[in-house]
């Protein structure tokens, strides 16, 4: 507890525009190398940039979602550095006058409390190309498909105090971006990448320690592991009498360690100056308001509505609004069944468990919302029990027939005939005299065992409520 961790995140989000930030080249993921790069992306002499207005609108959309200041006059700058996948020798970015200024978002911590994290800025810039090191026998190949793809770099304040807080912030950011539909934000594909600035200081100190930057972490799990490793490394360095060097590091997931990449640059190293080929971008209140009215219901607002309208717990509502697709799915099931709690249980537990098991996104679920609603309706009208419903649910994975057809074909319809259930109850009473006497002597919990025996005899098809009622009536008499 002697040390305090200080973390700030820089998150690069590829915007889902059809073309690049300053050229007409396509941005589709997975194309063959260098098939989506035109003469501007190749930095051929005489080519000039033209700003993609869709990217600007998406940046403003994000800024409004986090309550940020929107720059009515933003300026693009040249950030100069040499790297093989940057043909121009500079990156067009924004320094002093970004499109999105200060904002904030609220994260939920493990203990259920909330914390507000400041966002310093979100500026637009173009992505670099990609260096490929495999299959080139000691050389590197350069793929410029990604060069010029519009990025929104979202920079947090150094308000995060643990790796878990950093992950909570990143997940909240991811959720907002997906709700806004400005990026698919798939970290494994690089459309959302995270750089973590990490430092430590003695608890109680107000000055920040020397920070290191961990570059291009591509999953929530690796963000947590990389930060925790770097914190331990910095503690060891200082406690051994050394000092932390400001540098850029890479996280090696196979070895679970960070290692030096290069000394950390500062703004002066990049020799920023205004991009002479682009005029300042000037927008007015009417432009901003036209975008504001298109904003969807965002996660926090939707969570509050789920708690208020559907009477869900804070936890259940939080799980269900994590992605827009999950929230939409739940609402469709809840409205079709009229039972929000039943819908929430099945969506957040059974369906989510299925998705996790197969590593599916909810958009890939083989069980659509209307089919799940049909299944829950059969529980509600006592056609099947909750236990049998789980068997039907499994069958629905491979069987595209209607829920009713599956129940019928597998003979899973619940037994509700009073005469049949009465026979079951009489058999259970006859075969379990000791437990029957215990119940009559006041041992109430024995009823659960007896109901279980009846359900076993019926192979789960008897209506448990009817079994319970008849057992009590017969044992009482």
Protein backbone atom coordinates (compact mmCIF):
# COMPACT_ATOMS: atom_id res chain seq x y z
CA UNK A 1 0.00 0.00 0.00
CA UNK A 2 3.08 2.29 -0.02
CA UNK A 3 2.76 3.08 -3.71
CA UNK A 4 0.00 4.78 -5.68
CA UNK A 5 -0.44 4.08 -9.39
CA UNK A 6 -1.26 6.89 -11.82
CA UNK A 7 -2.60 5.96 -15.25
CA UNK A 8 -3.73 7.89 -18.29
CA UNK A 9 -4.95 6.20 -21.46
CA UNK A 10 -4.64 7.25 -25.09
CA UNK A 11 -7.18 5.32 -27.14
CA UNK A 12 -7.02 5.31 -30.94
CA UNK A 13 -10.35 4.55 -32.62
CA UNK A 14 -10.64 3.95 -36.34
CA UNK A 15 -13.76 5.76 -37.53
CA UNK A 16 -16.19 3.75 -39.67
CA UNK A 17 -16.08 5.98 -42.74
CA UNK A 18 -16.27 4.48 -46.23
CA UNK A 19 -13.14 6.35 -47.30
CA UNK A 20 -9.99 7.73 -45.70
CA UNK A 21 -9.53 10.99 -43.82
CA UNK A 22 -7.98 12.95 -46.69
CA UNK A 23 -8.35 10.69 -49.74
CA UNK A 24 -11.01 8.65 -51.53
CA UNK A 25 -9.38 5.27 -50.87
CA UNK A 26 -11.53 2.59 -49.28
CA UNK A 27 -11.08 1.59 -45.63
CA UNK A 28 -12.42 -1.97 -45.68
CA UNK A 29 -10.60 -4.31 -43.30
CA UNK A 30 -8.82 -7.38 -44.64
CA UNK A 31 -8.11 -6.32 -48.23
CA UNK A 32 -4.96 -7.57 -49.96
CA UNK A 33 -1.90 -5.44 -49.08
CA UNK A 34 -1.63 -2.09 -50.87
CA UNK A 35 -4.89 -2.44 -52.78
CA UNK A 36 -6.53 0.43 -50.87
CA UNK A 37 -3.89 3.14 -51.26
CA UNK A 38 -4.04 5.85 -53.92
CA UNK A 39 -1.52 8.44 -55.02
CA UNK A 40 -2.18 10.65 -51.97
CA UNK A 41 -1.72 7.75 -49.53
CA UNK A 42 1.57 6.95 -51.29
CA UNK A 43 2.64 10.61 -50.81
CA UNK A 44 3.37 11.18 -54.48
CA UNK A 45 4.42 14.78 -55.23
CA UNK A 46 1.66 17.26 -55.99
CA UNK A 47 -1.17 15.43 -54.22
CA UNK A 48 -3.34 17.44 -51.83
CA UNK A 49 -5.62 16.41 -48.94
CA UNK A 50 -9.41 16.86 -48.89
CA UNK A 51 -11.10 16.47 -45.48
CA UNK A 52 -13.70 13.70 -45.12
CA UNK A 53 -16.73 15.46 -43.58
CA UNK A 54 -18.15 12.15 -42.28
CA UNK A 55 -15.11 11.76 -40.02
CA UNK A 56 -15.64 15.28 -38.67
CA UNK A 57 -19.30 14.53 -37.92
CA UNK A 58 -18.35 11.32 -36.09
CA UNK A 59 -15.81 13.19 -33.94
CA UNK A 60 -18.42 15.80 -33.02
CA UNK A 61 -20.91 13.01 -32.29
CA UNK A 62 -18.46 11.46 -29.81
CA UNK A 63 -17.72 14.80 -28.17
CA UNK A 64 -21.41 15.48 -27.58
CA UNK A 65 -21.86 12.01 -26.07
CA UNK A 66 -19.27 12.71 -23.35
CA UNK A 67 -20.42 16.27 -22.70
CA UNK A 68 -17.20 17.69 -24.16
CA UNK A 69 -16.42 21.15 -25.48
CA UNK A 70 -16.70 21.10 -29.28
CA UNK A 71 -14.09 23.19 -31.08
CA UNK A 72 -15.89 25.43 -33.53
CA UNK A 73 -12.53 26.18 -35.08
CA UNK A 74 -10.14 23.24 -35.27
CA UNK A 75 -6.75 23.15 -36.96
CA UNK A 76 -4.80 20.27 -38.49
CA UNK A 77 -1.07 20.07 -37.86
CA UNK A 78 1.86 18.13 -39.22
CA UNK A 79 3.49 15.79 -36.71
CA UNK A 80 6.91 15.03 -38.16
CA UNK A 81 8.68 11.73 -37.68
CA UNK A 82 10.30 9.14 -39.90
CA UNK A 83 9.03 5.59 -40.11
CA UNK A 84 8.86 3.27 -43.14
CA UNK A 85 5.06 2.97 -43.03
CA UNK A 86 4.62 6.77 -43.04
CA UNK A 87 5.44 7.74 -46.65
CA UNK A 88 5.00 11.51 -46.22
CA UNK A 89 7.44 11.64 -43.30
CA UNK A 90 4.74 13.30 -41.19
CA UNK A 91 1.31 12.49 -39.82
CA UNK A 92 -1.57 14.95 -40.15
CA UNK A 93 -3.00 15.37 -36.66
CA UNK A 94 -4.34 18.09 -34.34
CA UNK A 95 -2.37 19.72 -31.52
CA UNK A 96 -3.56 22.99 -29.99
CA UNK A 97 -7.03 23.23 -31.54
CA UNK A 98 -8.65 19.76 -31.57
CA UNK A 99 -12.19 19.01 -32.71
CA UNK A 100 -13.17 17.73 -29.23
CA UNK A 101 -11.97 19.40 -26.03
CA UNK A 102 -12.48 18.58 -22.37
CA UNK A 103 -15.20 16.10 -21.42
CA UNK A 104 -15.76 13.25 -18.99
CA UNK A 105 -17.29 9.84 -18.51
CA UNK A 106 -18.37 7.90 -15.44
CA UNK A 107 -17.15 4.39 -14.70
CA UNK A 108 -18.51 1.85 -12.23
CA UNK A 109 -15.94 0.31 -9.90
CA UNK A 110 -15.91 -3.25 -8.55
CA UNK A 111 -17.58 -2.22 -5.28
CA UNK A 112 -20.46 -0.63 -7.19
CA UNK A 113 -19.32 2.95 -6.59
CA UNK A 114 -18.87 5.39 -9.45
CA UNK A 115 -15.91 7.52 -10.46
CA UNK A 116 -15.72 10.37 -12.96
CA UNK A 117 -12.76 10.21 -15.35
CA UNK A 118 -11.75 13.35 -17.22
CA UNK A 119 -11.16 13.31 -20.96
CA UNK A 120 -8.53 15.87 -21.94
CA UNK A 121 -9.30 15.90 -25.65
CA UNK A 122 -10.26 13.78 -28.64
CA UNK A 123 -8.43 14.85 -31.76
CA UNK A 124 -8.62 13.66 -35.34
CA UNK A 125 -5.62 12.28 -37.16
CA UNK A 126 -4.70 9.89 -39.95
CA UNK A 127 -3.49 6.36 -39.24
CA UNK A 128 -0.11 5.11 -40.42
CA UNK A 129 0.48 2.07 -42.60
CA UNK A 130 1.55 -1.29 -41.23
CA UNK A 131 4.94 -3.00 -41.23
CA UNK A 132 4.85 -6.75 -41.92
CA UNK A 133 7.78 -8.81 -40.67
CA UNK A 134 6.70 -12.36 -41.50
CA UNK A 135 7.84 -14.23 -44.62
CA UNK A 136 10.25 -11.57 -45.81
CA UNK A 137 13.53 -13.28 -44.83
CA UNK A 138 15.15 -10.56 -42.75
CA UNK A 139 13.26 -7.72 -44.40
CA UNK A 140 9.97 -5.96 -43.69
CA UNK A 141 7.05 -5.44 -46.02
CA UNK A 142 4.94 -2.28 -45.94
CA UNK A 143 1.14 -2.39 -46.32
CA UNK A 144 -0.33 1.07 -46.85
CA UNK A 145 -4.00 0.02 -46.82
CA UNK A 146 -4.35 1.48 -43.32
CA UNK A 147 -2.42 4.70 -44.11
CA UNK A 148 -4.81 7.62 -43.95
CA UNK A 149 -7.65 5.78 -42.21
CA UNK A 150 -9.37 8.36 -39.96
CA UNK A 151 -8.56 8.03 -36.27
CA UNK A 152 -10.03 9.67 -33.23
CA UNK A 153 -7.41 9.73 -30.48
CA UNK A 154 -9.13 10.00 -27.10
CA UNK A 155 -6.81 11.15 -24.33
CA UNK A 156 -7.82 10.73 -20.70
CA UNK A 157 -6.68 12.76 -17.72
CA UNK A 158 -4.31 10.84 -15.39
CA UNK A 159 -7.30 10.05 -13.14
CA UNK A 160 -7.06 6.25 -13.16
CA UNK A 161 -5.50 4.60 -10.11
CA UNK A 162 -5.41 0.89 -10.95
CA UNK A 163 -5.37 -1.51 -13.88
CA UNK A 164 -8.97 -2.49 -13.10
CA UNK A 165 -10.07 1.15 -13.28
CA UNK A 166 -8.28 1.44 -16.62
CA UNK A 167 -10.17 -1.58 -17.98
CA UNK A 168 -13.50 -0.21 -16.66
CA UNK A 169 -12.80 3.11 -18.43
CA UNK A 170 -11.81 1.34 -21.64
CA UNK A 171 -14.95 -0.84 -21.59
CA UNK A 172 -17.16 2.19 -20.98
CA UNK A 173 -15.49 4.01 -23.85
CA UNK A 174 -15.92 0.96 -26.07
CA UNK A 175 -19.62 0.79 -25.18
CA UNK A 176 -20.22 4.47 -26.00
CA UNK A 177 -18.38 4.18 -29.32
CA UNK A 178 -20.46 1.16 -30.33
CA UNK A 179 -23.72 2.87 -29.27
CA UNK A 180 -22.78 5.87 -31.41
CA UNK A 181 -21.98 3.56 -34.35
CA UNK A 182 -18.83 5.52 -35.20
CA UNK A 183 -16.53 2.47 -35.14
CA UNK A 184 -16.77 -1.29 -34.82
CA UNK A 185 -14.04 -0.89 -32.14
CA UNK A 186 -12.76 -4.45 -32.61
CA UNK A 187 -9.51 -4.45 -30.67
CA UNK A 188 -8.28 -7.72 -32.20
CA UNK A 189 -8.44 -6.09 -35.65
CA UNK A 190 -6.78 -2.86 -34.52
CA UNK A 191 -9.81 -0.62 -34.99
CA UNK A 192 -9.48 0.29 -31.31
CA UNK A 193 -5.98 0.42 -29.81
CA UNK A 194 -4.83 1.53 -26.40
CA UNK A 195 -1.63 3.19 -25.20
CA UNK A 196 -1.23 3.29 -21.41
CA UNK A 197 0.83 5.97 -19.66
CA UNK A 198 1.87 4.51 -16.30
CA UNK A 199 3.74 6.01 -13.35
CA UNK A 200 3.91 5.45 -9.61
CA UNK A 201 4.42 7.72 -6.63
CA UNK A 202 4.58 7.36 -2.87
CA UNK A 203 1.11 7.42 -1.40
CA UNK A 204 0.27 10.94 -0.26
CA UNK A 205 2.58 12.67 -2.77
CA UNK A 206 1.04 15.16 -5.22
CA UNK A 207 3.78 15.25 -7.88
CA UNK A 208 3.58 12.67 -10.63
CA UNK A 209 6.38 10.16 -11.07
CA UNK A 210 8.23 9.53 -14.33
CA UNK A 211 5.88 7.79 -16.73
CA UNK A 212 6.36 5.15 -19.34
CA UNK A 213 4.06 4.55 -22.27
CA UNK A 214 2.97 1.03 -23.20
CA UNK A 215 2.03 1.04 -26.89
CA UNK A 216 -0.73 -0.65 -28.89
CA UNK A 217 -2.34 -3.00 -26.38
CA UNK A 218 -5.09 -4.87 -28.21
CA UNK A 219 -7.42 -6.43 -25.62
CA UNK A 220 -9.03 -5.55 -22.31
CA UNK A 221 -7.27 -8.47 -20.62
CA UNK A 222 -3.86 -7.46 -21.90
CA UNK A 223 -4.41 -3.85 -20.80
CA UNK A 224 -4.86 -5.06 -17.23
CA UNK A 225 -1.91 -7.47 -17.37
CA UNK A 226 0.43 -4.95 -19.06
CA UNK A 227 -0.31 -2.20 -16.52
CA UNK A 228 0.08 -4.54 -13.54
CA UNK A 229 3.43 -5.78 -14.87
CA UNK A 230 4.69 -2.26 -15.51
CA UNK A 231 3.67 -1.11 -12.02
CA UNK A 232 5.59 -4.00 -10.45
CA UNK A 233 8.60 -3.27 -12.67
CA UNK A 234 8.68 0.40 -11.69
CA UNK A 235 8.36 -0.47 -8.00
CA UNK A 236 11.31 -2.88 -8.27
CA UNK A 237 13.43 -0.30 -10.09
CA UNK A 238 12.87 2.40 -7.45
CA UNK A 239 13.13 0.07 -4.45
CA UNK A 240 16.46 -1.21 -5.83
CA UNK A 241 17.80 2.34 -5.87
CA UNK A 242 17.32 3.05 -9.57
CA UNK A 243 15.10 5.53 -11.36
CA UNK A 244 12.39 5.05 -13.93
CA UNK A 245 13.34 6.26 -17.42
CA UNK A 246 10.73 7.96 -19.58
CA UNK A 247 10.39 5.66 -22.56
CA UNK A 248 7.98 3.82 -24.82
CA UNK A 249 7.57 0.11 -24.08
CA UNK A 250 5.86 -2.84 -25.74
CA UNK A 251 3.85 -5.50 -23.93
CA UNK A 252 4.80 -9.11 -24.75
CA UNK A 253 1.68 -11.18 -23.99
CA UNK A 254 3.54 -14.49 -24.35
CA UNK A 255 6.07 -13.56 -21.69
CA UNK A 256 3.71 -11.28 -19.73
CA UNK A 257 6.27 -8.49 -19.61
CA UNK A 258 6.95 -5.05 -21.01
CA UNK A 259 10.20 -4.26 -22.78
CA UNK A 260 11.80 -1.04 -24.07
CA UNK A 261 10.90 0.12 -27.58
CA UNK A 262 12.41 3.62 -27.76
CA UNK A 263 13.02 6.68 -25.63
CA UNK A 264 9.84 8.64 -25.12
CA UNK A 265 9.40 11.62 -27.41
CA UNK A 266 7.89 14.91 -26.29
CA UNK A 267 5.94 17.37 -28.42
CA UNK A 268 9.05 19.35 -29.40
CA UNK A 269 10.58 16.24 -30.96
CA UNK A 270 7.77 16.12 -33.51
CA UNK A 271 8.24 19.74 -34.73
CA UNK A 272 4.49 20.34 -34.97
CA UNK A 273 3.34 23.11 -37.29
CA UNK A 274 -0.03 23.90 -38.93
CA UNK A 275 -0.78 21.81 -42.01
CA UNK A 276 -0.37 24.32 -44.87
CA UNK A 277 -2.53 22.34 -47.29
CA UNK A 278 -5.65 22.41 -45.08
CA UNK A 279 -7.67 25.42 -43.98
CA UNK A 280 -8.94 25.58 -40.38
CA UNK A 281 -12.21 23.67 -39.96
CA UNK A 282 -14.99 26.04 -38.90
CA UNK A 283 -18.39 24.78 -37.74
CA UNK A 284 -21.33 26.61 -36.17
CA UNK A 285 -24.03 25.92 -33.57
CA UNK A 286 -26.46 24.77 -36.24
CA UNK A 287 -24.02 22.07 -37.40
CA UNK A 288 -23.47 20.88 -33.83
CA UNK A 289 -27.19 20.83 -32.99
CA UNK A 290 -28.01 18.94 -36.18
CA UNK A 291 -25.68 16.17 -34.95
CA UNK A 292 -26.93 16.36 -31.35
CA UNK A 293 -30.49 15.48 -32.34
CA UNK A 294 -29.25 12.26 -33.97
CA UNK A 295 -27.61 10.91 -30.79
CA UNK A 296 -29.01 7.58 -29.62
CA UNK A 297 -30.00 6.76 -26.05
CA UNK A 298 -26.57 6.20 -24.46
CA UNK A 299 -25.62 3.44 -21.97
CA UNK A 300 -26.08 5.45 -18.75
CA UNK A 301 -29.48 6.79 -19.81
CA UNK A 302 -30.61 3.36 -20.98
CA UNK A 303 -29.46 1.76 -17.73
CA UNK A 304 -31.47 4.29 -15.73
CA UNK A 305 -34.54 3.58 -17.87
CA UNK A 306 -34.18 -0.18 -17.48
CA UNK A 307 -34.06 0.26 -13.71
CA UNK A 308 -37.04 2.61 -13.72
CA UNK A 309 -39.30 1.04 -16.37
CA UNK A 310 -38.44 -2.64 -16.04
CA UNK A 311 -37.65 -2.65 -12.30
CA UNK A 312 -34.29 -4.36 -12.90
CA UNK A 313 -31.48 -4.32 -10.38
CA UNK A 314 -28.52 -2.00 -10.89
CA UNK A 315 -26.35 -5.01 -11.73
CA UNK A 316 -28.74 -6.63 -14.23
CA UNK A 317 -29.34 -3.33 -16.00
CA UNK A 318 -25.59 -2.71 -16.21
CA UNK A 319 -24.96 -6.11 -17.80
CA UNK A 320 -27.75 -5.67 -20.34
CA UNK A 321 -26.73 -2.20 -21.56
CA UNK A 322 -23.04 -3.09 -21.97
CA UNK A 323 -23.62 -3.24 -25.73
CA UNK A 324 -26.38 -1.67 -27.76
CA UNK A 325 -27.10 -4.99 -29.46
CA UNK A 326 -27.55 -6.77 -26.11
CA UNK A 327 -29.86 -4.01 -24.84
CA UNK A 328 -31.93 -4.12 -28.05
CA UNK A 329 -32.19 -7.92 -27.80
CA UNK A 330 -33.36 -7.75 -24.18
CA UNK A 331 -35.97 -5.10 -24.89
CA UNK A 332 -37.44 -7.12 -27.75
CA UNK A 333 -37.76 -10.20 -25.50
CA UNK A 334 -39.10 -8.20 -22.54
CA UNK A 335 -41.75 -6.45 -24.62
CA UNK A 336 -42.83 -9.67 -26.35
CA UNK A 337 -43.22 -11.58 -23.06
CA UNK A 338 -44.34 -8.77 -20.77
CA UNK A 339 -41.99 -10.15 -18.10
CA UNK A 340 -38.78 -8.10 -17.89
CA UNK A 341 -37.29 -10.08 -15.01
CA UNK A 342 -37.72 -13.41 -16.79
CA UNK A 343 -36.28 -11.89 -19.98
CA UNK A 344 -33.33 -10.39 -18.09
CA UNK A 345 -32.48 -13.71 -16.42
CA UNK A 346 -32.47 -15.63 -19.68
CA UNK A 347 -30.61 -13.00 -21.71
CA UNK A 348 -27.93 -12.20 -19.12
CA UNK A 349 -27.41 -15.79 -17.94
CA UNK A 350 -28.43 -18.51 -20.41
CA UNK A 351 -27.90 -16.57 -23.62
CA UNK A 352 -24.75 -14.80 -22.41
CA UNK A 353 -23.35 -18.13 -21.20
CA UNK A 354 -23.94 -19.62 -24.66
CA UNK A 355 -22.24 -16.67 -26.37
CA UNK A 356 -19.24 -16.82 -24.05
CA UNK A 357 -18.87 -20.56 -24.54
CA UNK A 358 -18.68 -20.24 -28.33
CA UNK A 359 -16.91 -16.82 -28.38
CA UNK A 360 -19.84 -15.34 -30.30
CA UNK A 361 -20.99 -11.76 -30.45
CA UNK A 362 -24.71 -11.40 -29.82
CA UNK A 363 -25.17 -10.49 -33.48
CA UNK A 364 -23.95 -14.04 -34.26
CA UNK A 365 -26.40 -15.73 -31.89
CA UNK A 366 -28.25 -18.63 -33.58
CA UNK A 367 -31.22 -17.90 -31.30
CA UNK A 368 -32.89 -14.66 -32.30
CA UNK A 369 -34.82 -12.51 -29.84
CA UNK A 370 -38.25 -13.48 -31.19
CA UNK A 371 -37.46 -17.21 -30.80
CA UNK A 372 -36.25 -16.75 -27.23
CA UNK A 373 -39.45 -14.83 -26.51
CA UNK A 374 -41.49 -17.74 -27.92
CA UNK A 375 -39.63 -20.10 -25.56
CA UNK A 376 -40.32 -17.93 -22.53
CA UNK A 377 -44.01 -17.71 -23.44
CA UNK A 378 -44.21 -21.50 -23.19
CA UNK A 379 -42.84 -21.24 -19.63
CA UNK A 380 -45.40 -18.56 -18.83
CA UNK A 381 -48.36 -20.60 -20.05
CA UNK A 382 -47.06 -23.76 -18.30
CA UNK A 383 -46.56 -25.68 -21.55
CA UNK A 384 -43.04 -26.46 -20.26
CA UNK A 385 -41.20 -25.92 -17.01
CA UNK A 386 -38.16 -23.70 -16.60
CA UNK A 387 -35.99 -26.82 -16.42
CA UNK A 388 -37.39 -28.30 -19.62
CA UNK A 389 -36.98 -24.89 -21.28
CA UNK A 390 -33.22 -25.26 -20.92
CA UNK A 391 -33.40 -28.54 -22.88
CA UNK A 392 -35.44 -26.81 -25.59
CA UNK A 393 -32.96 -23.90 -25.58
CA UNK A 394 -30.10 -26.31 -26.33
CA UNK A 395 -32.12 -27.94 -29.12
CA UNK A 396 -32.79 -24.52 -30.68
CA UNK A 397 -29.09 -24.15 -31.47
CA UNK A 398 -29.23 -26.70 -34.27
CA UNK A 399 -32.96 -26.91 -34.95
CA UNK A 400 -34.50 -23.96 -36.78
CA UNK A 401 -38.05 -25.28 -36.31
CA UNK A 402 -40.49 -23.30 -34.18
CA UNK A 403 -40.32 -23.63 -30.42
CA UNK A 404 -43.70 -25.39 -30.38
CA UNK A 405 -42.52 -27.88 -33.00
CA UNK A 406 -39.40 -28.72 -30.98
CA UNK A 407 -41.44 -29.21 -27.80
CA UNK A 408 -43.91 -31.44 -29.65
CA UNK A 409 -41.36 -33.51 -31.55
CA UNK A 410 -39.31 -34.24 -28.44
CA UNK A 411 -42.34 -34.95 -26.27
CA UNK A 412 -41.36 -32.27 -23.76
CA UNK A 413 -44.78 -30.79 -23.04
CA UNK A 414 -45.35 -30.36 -19.34
CA UNK A 415 -47.82 -32.68 -17.60
CA UNK A 416 -50.60 -30.54 -16.14
CA UNK A 417 -53.34 -33.15 -16.06
CA UNK A 418 -54.45 -33.30 -12.41
CA UNK A 419 -55.22 -37.02 -12.60
CA UNK A 420 -51.72 -37.92 -13.81
CA UNK A 421 -50.05 -35.69 -11.25
CA UNK A 422 -52.22 -37.16 -8.50
CA UNK A 423 -50.91 -40.63 -9.37
CA UNK A 424 -47.32 -39.39 -9.18
CA UNK A 425 -47.97 -37.78 -5.80
CA UNK A 426 -49.54 -40.95 -4.39
CA UNK A 427 -46.53 -42.99 -5.55
CA UNK A 428 -44.08 -40.56 -3.92
CA UNK A 429 -46.04 -40.60 -0.63
CA UNK A 430 -46.15 -44.39 -0.64
CA UNK A 431 -42.42 -44.75 -1.35
CA UNK A 432 -41.20 -42.13 1.17
CA UNK A 433 -43.09 -42.69 4.46
CA UNK A 434 -40.28 -41.33 6.65
CA UNK A 435 -40.14 -38.00 4.85
CA UNK A 436 -43.94 -37.77 4.79
CA UNK A 437 -44.01 -38.20 8.57
CA UNK A 438 -41.25 -35.59 8.98
CA UNK A 439 -43.35 -33.11 7.01
CA UNK A 440 -46.40 -33.88 9.15
CA UNK A 441 -44.23 -33.33 12.23
CA UNK A 442 -43.47 -29.81 11.02
CA UNK A 443 -40.23 -30.25 9.02
CA UNK A 444 -41.31 -27.95 6.19
CA UNK A 445 -38.11 -28.23 4.10
CA UNK A 446 -38.80 -31.91 3.34
CA UNK A 447 -41.37 -30.78 0.77
CA UNK A 448 -38.51 -29.89 -1.60
CA UNK A 449 -37.20 -33.47 -1.51
CA UNK A 450 -40.66 -34.92 -2.17
CA UNK A 451 -41.34 -32.54 -5.08
CA UNK A 452 -37.96 -33.56 -6.49
CA UNK A 453 -38.90 -37.23 -6.33
CA UNK A 454 -42.13 -36.55 -8.22
CA UNK A 455 -40.27 -34.54 -10.86
CA UNK A 456 -37.79 -37.39 -11.25
CA UNK A 457 -40.63 -39.88 -11.80
CA UNK A 458 -42.17 -37.63 -14.43
CA UNK A 459 -38.75 -37.05 -16.09
CA UNK A 460 -39.13 -33.36 -15.38
CA UNK A 461 -42.45 -33.01 -17.18
CA UNK A 462 -44.79 -32.53 -14.22
CA UNK A 463 -45.81 -29.00 -13.29
CA UNK A 464 -43.85 -28.46 -10.05
CA UNK A 465 -46.36 -25.98 -8.65
CA UNK A 466 -49.18 -28.49 -9.04
CA UNK A 467 -47.03 -31.25 -7.53
CA UNK A 468 -46.28 -29.06 -4.52
CA UNK A 469 -49.92 -28.17 -4.04
CA UNK A 470 -51.19 -31.76 -4.31
CA UNK A 471 -48.47 -33.12 -2.03
CA UNK A 472 -49.38 -30.63 0.68
CA UNK A 473 -53.07 -31.39 0.30
CA UNK A 474 -52.66 -35.15 0.52
CA UNK A 475 -50.10 -35.12 3.35
CA UNK A 476 -52.20 -32.63 5.23
CA UNK A 477 -55.17 -34.94 5.06
